[in-house]
Amino acid sequence: MSVNTNNPVTFTMPTGGVNITASFTQTSTTYSYTWYARGLPSGTMWGITIGSTTQWSSSDSLTWTGLSGTQSWSVDTPSGYTANPSSGTISGTGSTTITFTGTPQIQVSINPQPTSGTVPLKVTLYAGWWGAPSGATYNYTIDWGDGSTPTTGSTTSTTGTFYHTYNSTSSYTITVTASASGAQTGSASATVTANTPPPTTYTVNFGTSGSGSVTPSGTQYYNPGATVNITASPASGWSFVQWQVSGNISIANSTSPSTTATVNGNGSVTAIFEQVPTSYVVTFNESGLPSGVQWTVTVGGSVYSANSGQPINIQCSSGQTISYTVNMVVVGGSGSTETCYYYPNGQTSVSGTASCGGSVTVTYKLHACYRVGMT
């Protein structure tokens, strides 16, 4: 009997029988399938998932090879798009065209006013949202960032004005989220800062260093930015040097005893005085000498003189004690017909000590007079 490749095959059994052999050849059990993408921008990634495996493509087609049997597939859709069809079942070679439709993105803008200030900070929030299909209802949520209950609502308007008060010092992030049917949710954020308010008044302490007075004096209170007239008055024997400040206080002229201080914070103002160097003397006075007669005081080898009736002032240092000698005075002498001797305090000379700043009085007495040629 000859070979026949038909299937099925028909033949006539010959008399006496015959051996028939059927030969089988294995055929392919896998197939490939192609999906085509329409409606995506060039280079957009999309994918097909079968089972736990996903294959990706950035072109307008994706071919999956090595498939076998019946397989369920689904589309991995790029953000902002819907796919039609989004899933299906295949069992052999073929193709499916997927149409992608973009979902509009809601845009949100917010403008808080003011963005900073002192507590309590009252903020007006101007918000806007748009981009959903015409006539859509927008659902909004406002998170004020301070742990308070969010503000929520629904509106067909694309703008809204809202109010909130911050009572604690901090920086807060306001986030507005808007959603609508047939559109992707959008959001926007902005930051506001609530600061500690300045004190109602500032405290300024006025004082002195050295001997003198200042006006105003003691502890005073001023509004921020106040300008204060200040005057320093030195005591006798002292002079004003300068103003010294601490804190946020400025002086118009720091070396003038009469000027102004501008107060922008707590602090102190101090008038600095220094002692004026003083010249000290010991004053020697005399009595008893005739007019026009010179008398002397000797101190440390130096002789100081003055005419009768006039004092002798000798310079010294504060607290110093000086030793002195006052000698007799001879009136007349050579060329005169008469010579007279005047003794201090009745002695030929007087010695002693005197304190700086003090005085000594010497009284001269006539001791004797002699005439020439007389005994």
Protein backbone atom coordinates (compact mmCIF):
# COMPACT_ATOMS: atom_id res chain seq x y z
CA MET A 1 0.00 0.00 0.00
CA SER A 2 1.30 3.44 -0.84
CA VAL A 3 1.83 6.49 1.50
CA ASN A 4 -1.14 8.83 1.85
CA THR A 5 -0.82 12.18 3.71
CA ASN A 6 -4.51 12.98 3.68
CA ASN A 7 -6.33 13.13 6.98
CA PRO A 8 -8.76 11.62 7.12
CA VAL A 9 -8.09 9.01 4.42
CA THR A 10 -10.43 6.41 2.78
CA PHE A 11 -9.26 3.13 1.25
CA THR A 12 -10.50 -0.34 0.28
CA MET A 13 -9.31 -3.16 2.44
CA PRO A 14 -7.75 -5.81 0.17
CA THR A 15 -8.53 -9.50 0.57
CA GLY A 16 -6.34 -11.09 3.12
CA GLY A 17 -5.80 -7.85 5.15
CA VAL A 18 -3.03 -5.26 5.28
CA ASN A 19 -0.87 -3.49 7.91
CA ILE A 20 -1.62 0.24 8.21
CA THR A 21 0.75 2.66 10.06
CA ALA A 22 -0.26 6.24 11.04
CA SER A 23 2.61 8.72 11.47
CA PHE A 24 2.17 11.95 13.58
CA THR A 25 4.28 15.15 13.45
CA GLN A 26 4.21 17.62 16.37
CA THR A 27 2.90 21.09 15.40
CA SER A 28 3.67 24.53 17.07
CA THR A 29 1.74 25.22 20.36
CA THR A 30 2.65 28.98 20.82
CA TYR A 31 1.52 32.16 19.15
CA SER A 32 2.22 35.91 19.13
CA TYR A 33 -0.16 38.82 19.64
CA THR A 34 0.14 42.54 18.82
CA TRP A 35 -1.53 45.54 20.45
CA TYR A 36 -1.60 48.93 18.73
CA ALA A 37 -1.80 52.22 20.65
CA ARG A 38 -3.66 55.27 19.35
CA GLY A 39 -3.94 58.71 20.93
CA LEU A 40 -0.67 58.84 22.95
CA PRO A 41 2.05 61.47 22.47
CA SER A 42 5.22 60.09 20.89
CA GLY A 43 7.50 58.42 23.43
CA THR A 44 4.76 57.86 26.07
CA MET A 45 5.22 54.61 27.99
CA TRP A 46 2.30 52.16 28.10
CA GLY A 47 2.11 48.45 28.81
CA ILE A 48 0.24 45.15 28.66
CA THR A 49 0.02 42.84 31.65
CA ILE A 50 -0.63 39.10 31.34
CA GLY A 51 -0.64 37.26 34.62
CA SER A 52 2.11 38.75 36.77
CA THR A 53 4.23 39.93 33.85
CA THR A 54 4.12 43.34 32.21
CA GLN A 55 5.74 44.31 28.93
CA TRP A 56 6.28 48.01 28.13
CA SER A 57 6.45 50.04 24.97
CA SER A 58 7.12 53.68 24.08
CA SER A 59 6.06 53.20 20.44
CA ASP A 60 2.60 52.75 18.92
CA SER A 61 2.71 48.92 19.05
CA LEU A 62 3.63 46.08 21.40
CA THR A 63 4.04 42.45 20.27
CA TRP A 64 4.06 39.61 22.77
CA THR A 65 5.51 36.32 21.53
CA GLY A 66 5.57 32.84 23.01
CA LEU A 67 1.95 32.89 24.14
CA SER A 68 -0.01 29.68 24.49
CA GLY A 69 -3.55 28.82 25.34
CA THR A 70 -6.11 31.37 26.39
CA GLN A 71 -4.71 34.47 28.10
CA SER A 72 -6.34 37.43 29.89
CA TRP A 73 -4.67 40.81 29.42
CA SER A 74 -5.03 44.35 30.77
CA VAL A 75 -3.63 47.76 29.78
CA ASP A 76 -1.21 49.71 31.98
CA THR A 77 -2.47 53.21 31.24
CA PRO A 78 -0.25 56.32 31.41
CA SER A 79 -1.23 58.86 34.06
CA GLY A 80 -3.98 61.13 32.85
CA TYR A 81 -5.36 58.71 30.23
CA THR A 82 -8.06 56.06 29.94
CA ALA A 83 -7.78 53.04 27.60
CA ASN A 84 -10.49 51.51 25.42
CA PRO A 85 -10.54 48.56 25.56
CA SER A 86 -8.68 48.35 28.85
CA SER A 87 -8.60 44.53 28.99
CA GLY A 88 -9.51 41.38 27.03
CA THR A 89 -8.91 37.68 26.34
CA ILE A 90 -6.84 36.10 23.53
CA SER A 91 -6.21 32.50 22.44
CA GLY A 92 -4.27 32.80 19.22
CA THR A 93 -2.37 35.05 16.89
CA GLY A 94 -4.05 38.37 16.23
CA SER A 95 -4.09 42.08 17.16
CA THR A 96 -6.08 44.66 19.09
CA THR A 97 -6.10 48.46 18.68
CA ILE A 98 -6.29 50.41 21.96
CA THR A 99 -7.53 53.98 21.92
CA PHE A 100 -6.16 56.18 24.71
CA THR A 101 -8.15 59.23 25.79
CA GLY A 102 -6.52 61.93 27.92
CA THR A 103 -8.10 62.95 31.25
CA PRO A 104 -7.90 66.73 31.88
CA GLN A 105 -5.69 67.90 34.76
CA ILE A 106 -7.23 70.32 37.25
CA GLN A 107 -5.04 73.37 37.82
CA VAL A 108 -5.04 75.10 41.22
CA SER A 109 -3.68 78.51 42.25
CA ILE A 110 -3.66 80.08 45.72
CA ASN A 111 -2.71 83.52 46.98
CA PRO A 112 -2.70 84.05 50.78
CA GLN A 113 -2.61 87.65 52.01
CA PRO A 114 -0.63 88.60 53.99
CA THR A 115 2.08 85.95 53.85
CA SER A 116 3.62 87.08 57.16
CA GLY A 117 2.78 89.14 60.21
CA THR A 118 2.44 89.01 63.96
CA VAL A 119 0.01 86.79 65.84
CA PRO A 120 -2.90 86.73 65.72
CA LEU A 121 -2.30 86.58 61.95
CA LYS A 122 -5.52 86.91 59.95
CA VAL A 123 -5.07 85.48 56.44
CA THR A 124 -7.35 85.94 53.44
CA LEU A 125 -6.88 83.10 50.95
CA TYR A 126 -7.75 83.70 47.30
CA ALA A 127 -8.03 80.30 45.54
CA GLY A 128 -8.80 79.23 41.99
CA TRP A 129 -9.25 75.90 40.19
CA TRP A 130 -10.01 75.09 36.56
CA GLY A 131 -9.46 72.45 33.86
CA ALA A 132 -12.35 70.03 34.48
CA PRO A 133 -14.97 69.47 31.78
CA SER A 134 -17.41 72.33 31.32
CA GLY A 135 -20.08 72.53 34.02
CA ALA A 136 -18.19 70.23 36.40
CA THR A 137 -18.64 70.48 40.15
CA TYR A 138 -15.34 71.05 41.96
CA ASN A 139 -14.77 69.47 45.36
CA TYR A 140 -12.14 71.37 47.32
CA THR A 141 -10.23 70.79 50.55
CA ILE A 142 -8.11 73.45 52.29
CA ASP A 143 -5.52 72.19 54.77
CA TRP A 144 -4.43 75.25 56.77
CA GLY A 145 -1.28 73.52 58.06
CA ASP A 146 -1.89 74.22 61.74
CA GLY A 147 -3.75 71.07 62.71
CA SER A 148 -7.16 72.75 62.54
CA THR A 149 -10.13 71.14 60.77
CA PRO A 150 -9.70 71.45 56.98
CA THR A 151 -12.15 73.63 55.09
CA THR A 152 -14.14 71.60 52.53
CA GLY A 153 -16.87 72.32 50.02
CA SER A 154 -18.28 71.88 46.53
CA THR A 155 -18.91 74.53 43.90
CA THR A 156 -19.32 75.04 40.18
CA SER A 157 -17.40 78.32 40.50
CA THR A 158 -13.71 78.33 39.63
CA THR A 159 -12.73 80.77 42.40
CA GLY A 160 -13.20 81.11 46.13
CA THR A 161 -12.19 83.39 49.01
CA PHE A 162 -11.52 81.97 52.46
CA TYR A 163 -10.39 83.24 55.87
CA HIS A 164 -8.26 81.80 58.65
CA THR A 165 -6.52 83.09 61.79
CA TYR A 166 -3.19 81.80 63.14
CA ASN A 167 -2.73 82.29 66.89
CA SER A 168 0.64 80.59 67.41
CA THR A 169 4.08 81.65 66.21
CA SER A 170 5.31 79.37 63.39
CA SER A 171 5.47 78.89 59.62
CA TYR A 172 2.46 77.14 58.09
CA THR A 173 1.95 75.47 54.69
CA ILE A 174 -1.52 75.95 53.21
CA THR A 175 -2.51 73.25 50.70
CA VAL A 176 -5.60 73.46 48.48
CA THR A 177 -6.74 70.27 46.70
CA ALA A 178 -9.48 70.26 44.03
CA SER A 179 -11.13 67.31 42.29
CA ALA A 180 -13.94 66.86 39.77
CA SER A 181 -15.52 64.07 37.80
CA GLY A 182 -13.69 63.31 34.56
CA ALA A 183 -10.51 65.14 35.59
CA GLN A 184 -7.32 64.51 37.47
CA THR A 185 -7.07 65.97 40.97
CA GLY A 186 -4.92 69.10 41.30
CA SER A 187 -3.33 70.89 44.26
CA ALA A 188 -1.21 73.89 45.17
CA SER A 189 0.57 75.06 48.33
CA ALA A 190 1.83 78.31 49.86
CA THR A 191 3.55 79.24 53.12
CA VAL A 192 2.60 81.90 55.65
CA THR A 193 4.63 82.90 58.72
CA ALA A 194 3.16 84.09 62.01
CA ASN A 195 5.69 86.03 64.11
CA THR A 196 5.87 87.05 67.75
CA PRO A 197 4.54 90.61 68.12
CA PRO A 198 6.91 93.28 69.45
CA PRO A 199 6.31 94.43 73.00
CA THR A 200 3.98 97.37 73.52
CA THR A 201 6.81 99.29 75.19
CA TYR A 202 10.56 98.91 75.70
CA THR A 203 12.34 99.22 79.04
CA VAL A 204 15.39 101.52 79.24
CA ASN A 205 17.58 101.91 82.33
CA PHE A 206 19.41 105.26 82.65
CA GLY A 207 22.47 105.50 84.92
CA THR A 208 25.91 107.02 85.48
CA SER A 209 29.51 105.91 85.86
CA GLY A 210 31.52 108.39 87.92
CA SER A 211 30.13 111.43 89.70
CA GLY A 212 27.25 113.24 88.03
CA SER A 213 23.60 112.92 87.08
CA VAL A 214 21.58 112.00 84.00
CA THR A 215 18.16 113.09 82.77
CA PRO A 216 15.97 111.07 82.50
CA SER A 217 17.15 108.70 85.22
CA GLY A 218 16.24 105.27 86.52
CA THR A 219 13.92 102.90 84.63
CA GLN A 220 11.79 104.41 81.88
CA TYR A 221 9.37 102.91 79.31
CA TYR A 222 9.05 103.96 75.65
CA ASN A 223 7.14 103.02 72.53
CA PRO A 224 9.15 101.37 69.72
CA GLY A 225 11.08 103.99 67.74
CA ALA A 226 10.73 106.71 70.38
CA THR A 227 13.29 109.57 70.36
CA VAL A 228 14.34 110.66 73.87
CA ASN A 229 16.21 113.84 74.86
CA ILE A 230 19.03 112.93 77.26
CA THR A 231 21.33 115.20 79.30
CA ALA A 232 24.42 114.42 81.40
CA SER A 233 25.47 116.82 84.19
CA PRO A 234 28.88 116.23 85.80
CA ALA A 235 29.47 116.90 89.49
CA SER A 236 31.98 119.55 90.58
CA GLY A 237 35.48 118.42 89.71
CA TRP A 238 34.20 115.93 87.11
CA SER A 239 33.66 116.11 83.34
CA PHE A 240 31.43 114.23 80.89
CA VAL A 241 33.25 111.73 78.61
CA GLN A 242 30.66 109.84 76.53
CA TRP A 243 27.40 107.89 76.41
CA GLN A 244 27.52 104.10 76.66
CA VAL A 245 24.52 101.98 75.55
CA SER A 246 23.42 98.36 75.50
CA GLY A 247 20.59 96.72 73.60
CA ASN A 248 18.90 98.14 70.51
CA ILE A 249 19.37 101.82 71.37
CA SER A 250 21.21 104.37 69.23
CA ILE A 251 22.71 107.73 70.30
CA ALA A 252 22.75 110.70 67.92
CA ASN A 253 26.07 112.07 69.31
CA SER A 254 27.80 109.82 71.82
CA THR A 255 30.27 112.49 73.00
CA SER A 256 27.78 115.32 73.52
CA PRO A 257 26.35 115.74 77.05
CA SER A 258 23.03 116.83 75.53
CA THR A 259 21.74 114.67 72.66
CA THR A 260 18.98 112.18 71.73
CA ALA A 261 18.55 108.42 72.04
CA THR A 262 16.37 106.36 69.67
CA VAL A 263 14.75 103.35 71.34
CA ASN A 264 14.16 100.22 69.24
CA GLY A 265 14.50 97.63 72.00
CA ASN A 266 15.17 97.04 75.67
CA GLY A 267 18.53 98.30 76.92
CA SER A 268 20.44 100.80 79.02
CA VAL A 269 21.99 104.26 78.64
CA THR A 270 24.94 105.24 80.86
CA ALA A 271 26.64 108.64 81.14
CA ILE A 272 30.39 108.21 81.68
CA PHE A 273 32.13 110.86 83.84
CA GLU A 274 35.80 111.25 84.75
CA GLN A 275 37.42 113.30 87.50
CA VAL A 276 39.14 116.56 86.48
CA PRO A 277 42.75 116.70 87.74
CA THR A 278 43.00 119.32 90.58
CA SER A 279 46.00 121.52 91.42
CA TYR A 280 46.66 121.50 95.21
CA VAL A 281 48.73 124.03 97.25
CA VAL A 282 49.89 124.82 100.77
CA THR A 283 49.26 128.51 101.44
CA PHE A 284 51.64 130.47 103.68
CA ASN A 285 50.41 133.81 105.06
CA GLU A 286 52.43 136.41 107.01
CA SER A 287 51.73 139.38 109.22
CA GLY A 288 53.92 141.87 111.05
CA LEU A 289 56.37 142.90 108.30
CA PRO A 290 56.66 146.47 107.03
CA SER A 291 55.14 147.13 103.61
CA GLY A 292 57.28 146.21 100.62
CA VAL A 293 59.51 143.80 102.51
CA GLN A 294 60.20 140.41 100.89
CA TRP A 295 59.80 137.24 102.94
CA THR A 296 60.56 133.60 102.06
CA VAL A 297 59.60 129.97 102.72
CA THR A 298 62.04 127.15 102.01
CA VAL A 299 60.71 123.70 101.00
CA GLY A 300 63.03 120.86 99.96
CA GLY A 301 65.89 123.20 99.11
CA SER A 302 63.69 125.51 97.03
CA VAL A 303 63.09 129.08 98.22
CA TYR A 304 59.68 130.69 97.56
CA SER A 305 59.25 134.43 98.15
CA ALA A 306 56.62 137.14 98.19
CA ASN A 307 56.24 140.73 99.29
CA SER A 308 54.84 141.40 102.70
CA GLY A 309 51.06 141.10 102.83
CA GLN A 310 51.02 138.58 99.97
CA PRO A 311 50.66 134.79 100.43
CA ILE A 312 53.14 132.21 99.18
CA ASN A 313 51.43 129.22 97.46
CA ILE A 314 53.48 126.04 97.08
CA GLN A 315 52.22 123.30 94.72
CA CYS A 316 51.72 119.82 96.14
CA SER A 317 49.87 116.55 95.52
CA SER A 318 46.63 115.52 97.16
CA GLY A 319 47.38 113.90 100.52
CA GLN A 320 51.02 115.05 100.50
CA THR A 321 52.72 116.53 103.61
CA ILE A 322 55.54 119.03 103.08
CA SER A 323 58.31 120.18 105.41
CA TYR A 324 59.07 123.89 105.44
CA THR A 325 61.35 126.51 107.04
CA VAL A 326 60.62 130.23 107.49
CA ASN A 327 63.66 132.38 108.29
CA MET A 328 63.97 135.82 109.91
CA VAL A 329 63.78 138.91 107.72
CA VAL A 330 66.48 141.58 107.80
CA VAL A 331 65.32 145.04 106.82
CA GLY A 332 68.00 147.63 105.98
CA GLY A 333 71.59 146.46 106.07
CA SER A 334 74.36 147.58 103.71
CA GLY A 335 74.03 151.23 102.68
CA SER A 336 71.35 151.89 105.24
CA THR A 337 71.71 153.83 108.45
CA GLU A 338 69.50 151.30 110.24
CA THR A 339 69.17 147.51 110.18
CA CYS A 340 66.12 145.79 111.73
CA TYR A 341 65.60 142.10 112.43
CA TYR A 342 62.12 140.50 112.28
CA TYR A 343 61.77 137.03 113.80
CA PRO A 344 59.03 134.60 112.68
CA ASN A 345 56.86 133.67 115.63
CA GLY A 346 59.54 135.29 117.84
CA GLN A 347 62.30 132.92 116.62
CA THR A 348 65.21 133.26 114.23
CA SER A 349 63.56 130.58 112.10
CA VAL A 350 60.48 128.38 112.21
CA SER A 351 60.31 124.82 110.80
CA GLY A 352 57.33 122.49 110.56
CA THR A 353 55.08 120.36 108.34
CA ALA A 354 51.90 121.20 106.53
CA SER A 355 49.29 119.06 104.75
CA CYS A 356 48.59 119.63 101.09
CA GLY A 357 45.56 121.87 100.78
CA GLY A 358 46.19 123.47 104.16
CA SER A 359 47.65 126.79 105.24
CA VAL A 360 50.30 128.16 107.62
CA THR A 361 50.30 131.66 109.17
CA VAL A 362 53.59 133.24 110.23
CA THR A 363 53.63 136.27 112.52
CA TYR A 364 56.80 138.37 112.37
CA LYS A 365 57.89 140.38 115.38
CA LEU A 366 60.52 143.09 115.44
CA HIS A 367 63.43 141.75 117.42
CA ALA A 368 65.93 144.66 117.25
CA CYS A 369 67.10 147.60 115.15
CA TYR A 370 70.65 148.90 114.91
CA ARG A 371 71.84 152.34 113.65
CA VAL A 372 75.25 152.79 112.06
CA GLY A 373 77.73 154.57 114.42
CA MET A 374 75.56 154.02 117.45
CA THR A 375 76.06 151.60 120.30
